[in-house]
Amino acid sequence: MNKKLIIGVATVGLLLGGTTIAAANMNQDEQPIVKVEDNTNKSEVKVDKNELISASEAKEIALAEHDGFVDSVELEYEHGRAYYEVEIETEFNDDVDIYIDANTGEVLAVDEDIKREKQSRKDVMSVEKAKEIAVNELGGKVVEVDLDKDDGRYEYELELRTENGEAEITIDAVTGEILELDID
């Protein structure tokens, strides 16, 4: 048992020592060689880090492309090309990934992960349609209607007088979905 333990510790020590020596011998002035695997063949690409835009420049480019807060900026290499992946969170908590060429600063792609579709004012249903939905759901008479925008979603808030008292209903102003119902 002790023999196995000693051999294991010695092996780990040699591996760590070899890695440290190899890292210490790397020359910082040399261009790094990035190995890129392709589906068809293997190739080596030399990347000059002095010609790449900085992470803060990539961040500025991404924010000019899309409003929000930067979650992360990562330098990636794929198919011999260096690029930044900038992750942005929008005011609606949507995630947007912006891919920027690390050499030129060109925006390569924008990938939006929209958690909720943004609604346009032109898509909002008429007040009459909202009243019809509310009356069909609760009965009674509509006494007040308000159109609000909450977290990027247009909503009708309606107050009704029914046989059983007052009621409030909130309806998605684009889809007609009943979001909230409060009966007093």
C-alpha atoms as a PDB file:
ATOM      1  CA  MET A   1       0.000   0.000   0.000  1.00  0.00           C
ATOM      2  CA  ASN A   2       2.781   2.442   0.953  1.00  0.00           C
ATOM      3  CA  LYS A   3       4.665   1.565  -2.223  1.00  0.00           C
ATOM      4  CA  LYS A   4       1.644   2.554  -4.383  1.00  0.00           C
ATOM      5  CA  LEU A   5       1.265   5.823  -2.479  1.00  0.00           C
ATOM      6  CA  ILE A   6       4.935   6.709  -2.914  1.00  0.00           C
ATOM      7  CA  ILE A   7       4.817   5.904  -6.649  1.00  0.00           C
ATOM      8  CA  GLY A   8       1.658   8.012  -7.077  1.00  0.00           C
ATOM      9  CA  VAL A   9       3.149  11.012  -5.257  1.00  0.00           C
ATOM     10  CA  ALA A  10       6.383  10.730  -7.246  1.00  0.00           C
ATOM     11  CA  THR A  11       4.462  10.604 -10.539  1.00  0.00           C
ATOM     12  CA  VAL A  12       2.435  13.705  -9.682  1.00  0.00           C
ATOM     13  CA  GLY A  13       5.619  15.511  -8.628  1.00  0.00           C
ATOM     14  CA  LEU A  14       7.350  14.685 -11.907  1.00  0.00           C
ATOM     15  CA  LEU A  15       4.350  15.821 -13.944  1.00  0.00           C
ATOM     16  CA  LEU A  16       4.083  19.130 -12.099  1.00  0.00           C
ATOM     17  CA  GLY A  17       7.828  19.703 -12.273  1.00  0.00           C
ATOM     18  CA  GLY A  18       7.922  18.977 -16.007  1.00  0.00           C
ATOM     19  CA  THR A  19       5.037  21.343 -16.666  1.00  0.00           C
ATOM     20  CA  THR A  20       6.696  24.111 -14.645  1.00  0.00           C
ATOM     21  CA  ILE A  21      10.001  23.692 -16.477  1.00  0.00           C
ATOM     22  CA  ALA A  22       8.276  23.683 -19.878  1.00  0.00           C
ATOM     23  CA  ALA A  23       6.310  26.824 -19.008  1.00  0.00           C
ATOM     24  CA  ALA A  24       9.441  28.592 -17.765  1.00  0.00           C
ATOM     25  CA  ASN A  25      11.262  27.825 -21.025  1.00  0.00           C
ATOM     26  CA  MET A  26       8.595  29.398 -23.235  1.00  0.00           C
ATOM     27  CA  ASN A  27       9.863  32.553 -24.914  1.00  0.00           C
ATOM     28  CA  GLN A  28       7.360  35.420 -24.579  1.00  0.00           C
ATOM     29  CA  ASP A  29       8.656  37.132 -27.760  1.00  0.00           C
ATOM     30  CA  GLU A  30       7.680  34.244 -30.029  1.00  0.00           C
ATOM     31  CA  GLN A  31       4.330  34.219 -31.787  1.00  0.00           C
ATOM     32  CA  PRO A  32       1.995  31.707 -30.208  1.00  0.00           C
ATOM     33  CA  ILE A  33       1.003  28.768 -32.359  1.00  0.00           C
ATOM     34  CA  VAL A  34      -2.644  27.914 -32.103  1.00  0.00           C
ATOM     35  CA  LYS A  35      -3.633  24.443 -33.243  1.00  0.00           C
ATOM     36  CA  VAL A  36      -6.982  24.451 -34.966  1.00  0.00           C
ATOM     37  CA  GLU A  37      -8.846  21.253 -35.717  1.00  0.00           C
ATOM     38  CA  ASP A  38     -10.999  21.234 -38.809  1.00  0.00           C
ATOM     39  CA  ASN A  39     -13.329  18.475 -39.974  1.00  0.00           C
ATOM     40  CA  THR A  40     -11.174  17.854 -43.035  1.00  0.00           C
ATOM     41  CA  ASN A  41      -7.592  18.345 -41.849  1.00  0.00           C
ATOM     42  CA  LYS A  42      -5.343  19.713 -39.133  1.00  0.00           C
ATOM     43  CA  SER A  43      -3.513  22.986 -39.514  1.00  0.00           C
ATOM     44  CA  GLU A  44      -1.377  25.336 -37.477  1.00  0.00           C
ATOM     45  CA  VAL A  45      -2.033  29.047 -37.490  1.00  0.00           C
ATOM     46  CA  LYS A  46       0.278  31.793 -36.280  1.00  0.00           C
ATOM     47  CA  VAL A  47      -1.555  34.570 -34.498  1.00  0.00           C
ATOM     48  CA  ASP A  48       0.177  37.852 -33.743  1.00  0.00           C
ATOM     49  CA  LYS A  49      -1.367  39.055 -30.503  1.00  0.00           C
ATOM     50  CA  ASN A  50       0.075  42.543 -31.098  1.00  0.00           C
ATOM     51  CA  GLU A  51      -2.314  43.032 -34.044  1.00  0.00           C
ATOM     52  CA  LEU A  52      -5.484  42.077 -32.164  1.00  0.00           C
ATOM     53  CA  ILE A  53      -7.910  44.666 -30.846  1.00  0.00           C
ATOM     54  CA  SER A  54      -8.161  44.786 -27.060  1.00  0.00           C
ATOM     55  CA  ALA A  55     -10.993  43.325 -25.005  1.00  0.00           C
ATOM     56  CA  SER A  56     -12.106  46.845 -24.040  1.00  0.00           C
ATOM     57  CA  GLU A  57     -12.262  47.829 -27.730  1.00  0.00           C
ATOM     58  CA  ALA A  58     -14.371  44.732 -28.417  1.00  0.00           C
ATOM     59  CA  LYS A  59     -16.650  45.746 -25.539  1.00  0.00           C
ATOM     60  CA  GLU A  60     -17.104  49.257 -27.003  1.00  0.00           C
ATOM     61  CA  ILE A  61     -17.887  47.843 -30.457  1.00  0.00           C
ATOM     62  CA  ALA A  62     -20.445  45.436 -28.979  1.00  0.00           C
ATOM     63  CA  LEU A  63     -22.165  48.177 -26.960  1.00  0.00           C
ATOM     64  CA  ALA A  64     -22.347  50.345 -30.091  1.00  0.00           C
ATOM     65  CA  GLU A  65     -24.093  47.416 -31.793  1.00  0.00           C
ATOM     66  CA  HIS A  66     -26.532  46.613 -28.964  1.00  0.00           C
ATOM     67  CA  ASP A  67     -27.592  48.370 -25.740  1.00  0.00           C
ATOM     68  CA  GLY A  68     -27.237  46.596 -22.413  1.00  0.00           C
ATOM     69  CA  PHE A  69     -24.680  45.502 -19.837  1.00  0.00           C
ATOM     70  CA  VAL A  70     -21.612  43.447 -20.743  1.00  0.00           C
ATOM     71  CA  ASP A  71     -21.516  40.136 -18.859  1.00  0.00           C
ATOM     72  CA  SER A  72     -18.276  38.825 -20.362  1.00  0.00           C
ATOM     73  CA  VAL A  73     -15.707  39.275 -23.121  1.00  0.00           C
ATOM     74  CA  GLU A  74     -13.814  36.181 -24.295  1.00  0.00           C
ATOM     75  CA  LEU A  75     -11.108  35.839 -26.947  1.00  0.00           C
ATOM     76  CA  GLU A  76     -11.745  32.689 -29.006  1.00  0.00           C
ATOM     77  CA  TYR A  77      -9.927  30.952 -31.869  1.00  0.00           C
ATOM     78  CA  GLU A  78     -11.738  28.928 -34.515  1.00  0.00           C
ATOM     79  CA  HIS A  79     -10.719  27.831 -38.017  1.00  0.00           C
ATOM     80  CA  GLY A  80      -7.583  29.964 -37.845  1.00  0.00           C
ATOM     81  CA  ARG A  81      -9.527  33.089 -36.960  1.00  0.00           C
ATOM     82  CA  ALA A  82      -9.368  35.038 -33.714  1.00  0.00           C
ATOM     83  CA  TYR A  83     -12.593  36.631 -32.523  1.00  0.00           C
ATOM     84  CA  TYR A  84     -14.190  38.031 -29.389  1.00  0.00           C
ATOM     85  CA  GLU A  85     -17.456  36.724 -28.021  1.00  0.00           C
ATOM     86  CA  VAL A  86     -19.100  39.537 -26.061  1.00  0.00           C
ATOM     87  CA  GLU A  87     -22.120  38.582 -23.954  1.00  0.00           C
ATOM     88  CA  ILE A  88     -24.594  41.391 -23.247  1.00  0.00           C
ATOM     89  CA  GLU A  89     -27.669  41.367 -21.037  1.00  0.00           C
ATOM     90  CA  THR A  90     -30.385  43.780 -22.169  1.00  0.00           C
ATOM     91  CA  GLU A  91     -32.826  45.769 -20.062  1.00  0.00           C
ATOM     92  CA  PHE A  92     -35.419  43.038 -20.704  1.00  0.00           C
ATOM     93  CA  ASN A  93     -33.015  40.340 -19.373  1.00  0.00           C
ATOM     94  CA  ASP A  94     -32.474  39.007 -22.894  1.00  0.00           C
ATOM     95  CA  ASP A  95     -29.035  37.588 -23.697  1.00  0.00           C
ATOM     96  CA  VAL A  96     -27.174  38.795 -26.777  1.00  0.00           C
ATOM     97  CA  ASP A  97     -23.876  37.323 -28.007  1.00  0.00           C
ATOM     98  CA  ILE A  98     -21.907  39.549 -30.361  1.00  0.00           C
ATOM     99  CA  TYR A  99     -19.006  38.036 -32.296  1.00  0.00           C
ATOM    100  CA  ILE A 100     -16.278  40.502 -33.306  1.00  0.00           C
ATOM    101  CA  ASP A 101     -13.254  39.826 -35.534  1.00  0.00           C
ATOM    102  CA  ALA A 102     -10.269  40.298 -33.203  1.00  0.00           C
ATOM    103  CA  ASN A 103      -8.061  41.617 -36.033  1.00  0.00           C
ATOM    104  CA  THR A 104     -10.383  44.087 -37.769  1.00  0.00           C
ATOM    105  CA  GLY A 105     -13.053  44.896 -35.162  1.00  0.00           C
ATOM    106  CA  GLU A 106     -15.762  43.913 -37.661  1.00  0.00           C
ATOM    107  CA  VAL A 107     -19.007  42.546 -36.205  1.00  0.00           C
ATOM    108  CA  LEU A 108     -19.245  38.991 -37.533  1.00  0.00           C
ATOM    109  CA  ALA A 109     -22.583  37.957 -36.055  1.00  0.00           C
ATOM    110  CA  VAL A 110     -25.212  38.879 -33.478  1.00  0.00           C
ATOM    111  CA  ASP A 111     -27.010  36.046 -31.707  1.00  0.00           C
ATOM    112  CA  GLU A 112     -30.015  37.168 -29.674  1.00  0.00           C
ATOM    113  CA  ASP A 113     -31.585  34.861 -27.111  1.00  0.00           C
ATOM    114  CA  ILE A 114     -34.845  36.710 -26.617  1.00  0.00           C
ATOM    115  CA  LYS A 115     -36.735  35.566 -23.576  1.00  0.00           C
ATOM    116  CA  ARG A 116     -39.773  37.640 -24.460  1.00  0.00           C
ATOM    117  CA  GLU A 117     -40.540  39.132 -27.819  1.00  0.00           C
ATOM    118  CA  LYS A 118     -40.502  42.889 -27.798  1.00  0.00           C
ATOM    119  CA  GLN A 119     -43.883  44.318 -28.659  1.00  0.00           C
ATOM    120  CA  SER A 120     -44.543  47.239 -30.919  1.00  0.00           C
ATOM    121  CA  ARG A 121     -47.223  49.860 -30.345  1.00  0.00           C
ATOM    122  CA  LYS A 122     -48.625  49.113 -33.809  1.00  0.00           C
ATOM    123  CA  ASP A 123     -49.372  45.518 -32.711  1.00  0.00           C
ATOM    124  CA  VAL A 124     -51.598  46.614 -29.804  1.00  0.00           C
ATOM    125  CA  MET A 125     -55.257  45.563 -30.074  1.00  0.00           C
ATOM    126  CA  SER A 126     -58.031  48.132 -29.870  1.00  0.00           C
ATOM    127  CA  VAL A 127     -59.552  49.252 -26.575  1.00  0.00           C
ATOM    128  CA  GLU A 128     -62.869  47.784 -27.734  1.00  0.00           C
ATOM    129  CA  LYS A 129     -61.289  44.348 -28.203  1.00  0.00           C
ATOM    130  CA  ALA A 130     -59.723  44.526 -24.704  1.00  0.00           C
ATOM    131  CA  LYS A 131     -63.117  45.491 -23.226  1.00  0.00           C
ATOM    132  CA  GLU A 132     -64.743  42.568 -25.041  1.00  0.00           C
ATOM    133  CA  ILE A 133     -62.208  40.111 -23.584  1.00  0.00           C
ATOM    134  CA  ALA A 134     -62.699  41.514 -20.068  1.00  0.00           C
ATOM    135  CA  VAL A 135     -66.514  41.422 -20.227  1.00  0.00           C
ATOM    136  CA  ASN A 136     -66.483  37.885 -21.668  1.00  0.00           C
ATOM    137  CA  GLU A 137     -64.267  36.781 -18.782  1.00  0.00           C
ATOM    138  CA  LEU A 138     -65.977  38.614 -15.893  1.00  0.00           C
ATOM    139  CA  GLY A 139     -69.287  40.025 -17.053  1.00  0.00           C
ATOM    140  CA  GLY A 140     -70.375  43.476 -15.875  1.00  0.00           C
ATOM    141  CA  LYS A 141     -69.428  46.894 -17.196  1.00  0.00           C
ATOM    142  CA  VAL A 142     -65.965  48.371 -17.849  1.00  0.00           C
ATOM    143  CA  VAL A 143     -65.469  51.606 -15.875  1.00  0.00           C
ATOM    144  CA  GLU A 144     -61.761  52.311 -16.527  1.00  0.00           C
ATOM    145  CA  VAL A 145     -59.119  51.263 -19.072  1.00  0.00           C
ATOM    146  CA  ASP A 146     -55.375  51.981 -18.943  1.00  0.00           C
ATOM    147  CA  LEU A 147     -52.704  50.945 -21.440  1.00  0.00           C
ATOM    148  CA  ASP A 148     -49.282  50.439 -19.838  1.00  0.00           C
ATOM    149  CA  LYS A 149     -45.950  49.047 -20.954  1.00  0.00           C
ATOM    150  CA  ASP A 150     -44.431  46.719 -18.366  1.00  0.00           C
ATOM    151  CA  ASP A 151     -41.040  45.045 -19.014  1.00  0.00           C
ATOM    152  CA  GLY A 152     -41.376  45.532 -22.763  1.00  0.00           C
ATOM    153  CA  ARG A 153     -44.940  44.195 -22.881  1.00  0.00           C
ATOM    154  CA  TYR A 154     -48.024  46.306 -23.567  1.00  0.00           C
ATOM    155  CA  GLU A 155     -50.851  45.547 -21.146  1.00  0.00           C
ATOM    156  CA  TYR A 156     -54.404  46.746 -20.754  1.00  0.00           C
ATOM    157  CA  GLU A 157     -55.502  47.173 -17.156  1.00  0.00           C
ATOM    158  CA  LEU A 158     -59.283  47.298 -16.901  1.00  0.00           C
ATOM    159  CA  GLU A 159     -61.602  47.914 -13.952  1.00  0.00           C
ATOM    160  CA  LEU A 160     -65.109  46.482 -14.096  1.00  0.00           C
ATOM    161  CA  ARG A 161     -68.259  46.624 -12.002  1.00  0.00           C
ATOM    162  CA  THR A 162     -69.879  43.217 -11.810  1.00  0.00           C
ATOM    163  CA  GLU A 163     -72.843  41.713  -9.950  1.00  0.00           C
ATOM    164  CA  ASN A 164     -70.396  40.589  -7.260  1.00  0.00           C
ATOM    165  CA  GLY A 165     -68.575  43.927  -6.852  1.00  0.00           C
ATOM    166  CA  GLU A 166     -65.480  45.413  -8.461  1.00  0.00           C
ATOM    167  CA  ALA A 167     -62.911  43.482 -10.467  1.00  0.00           C
ATOM    168  CA  GLU A 168     -59.607  44.254 -12.163  1.00  0.00           C
ATOM    169  CA  ILE A 169     -58.148  42.371 -15.090  1.00  0.00           C
ATOM    170  CA  THR A 170     -54.798  42.741 -16.851  1.00  0.00           C
ATOM    171  CA  ILE A 171     -54.643  41.626 -20.486  1.00  0.00           C
ATOM    172  CA  ASP A 172     -51.637  41.344 -22.817  1.00  0.00           C
ATOM    173  CA  ALA A 173     -52.468  44.107 -25.312  1.00  0.00           C
ATOM    174  CA  VAL A 174     -50.997  42.188 -28.254  1.00  0.00           C
ATOM    175  CA  THR A 175     -51.999  38.561 -27.662  1.00  0.00           C
ATOM    176  CA  GLY A 176     -55.170  39.046 -25.591  1.00  0.00           C
ATOM    177  CA  GLU A 177     -53.837  36.663 -22.934  1.00  0.00           C
ATOM    178  CA  ILE A 178     -55.238  37.290 -19.436  1.00  0.00           C
ATOM    179  CA  LEU A 179     -52.246  38.010 -17.231  1.00  0.00           C
ATOM    180  CA  GLU A 180     -53.886  38.892 -13.925  1.00  0.00           C
ATOM    181  CA  LEU A 181     -57.346  38.761 -12.428  1.00  0.00           C
ATOM    182  CA  ASP A 182     -58.416  40.383  -9.155  1.00  0.00           C
ATOM    183  CA  ILE A 183     -62.015  40.092  -7.985  1.00  0.00           C
ATOM    184  CA  ASP A 184     -63.087  42.017  -4.867  1.00  0.00           C
END
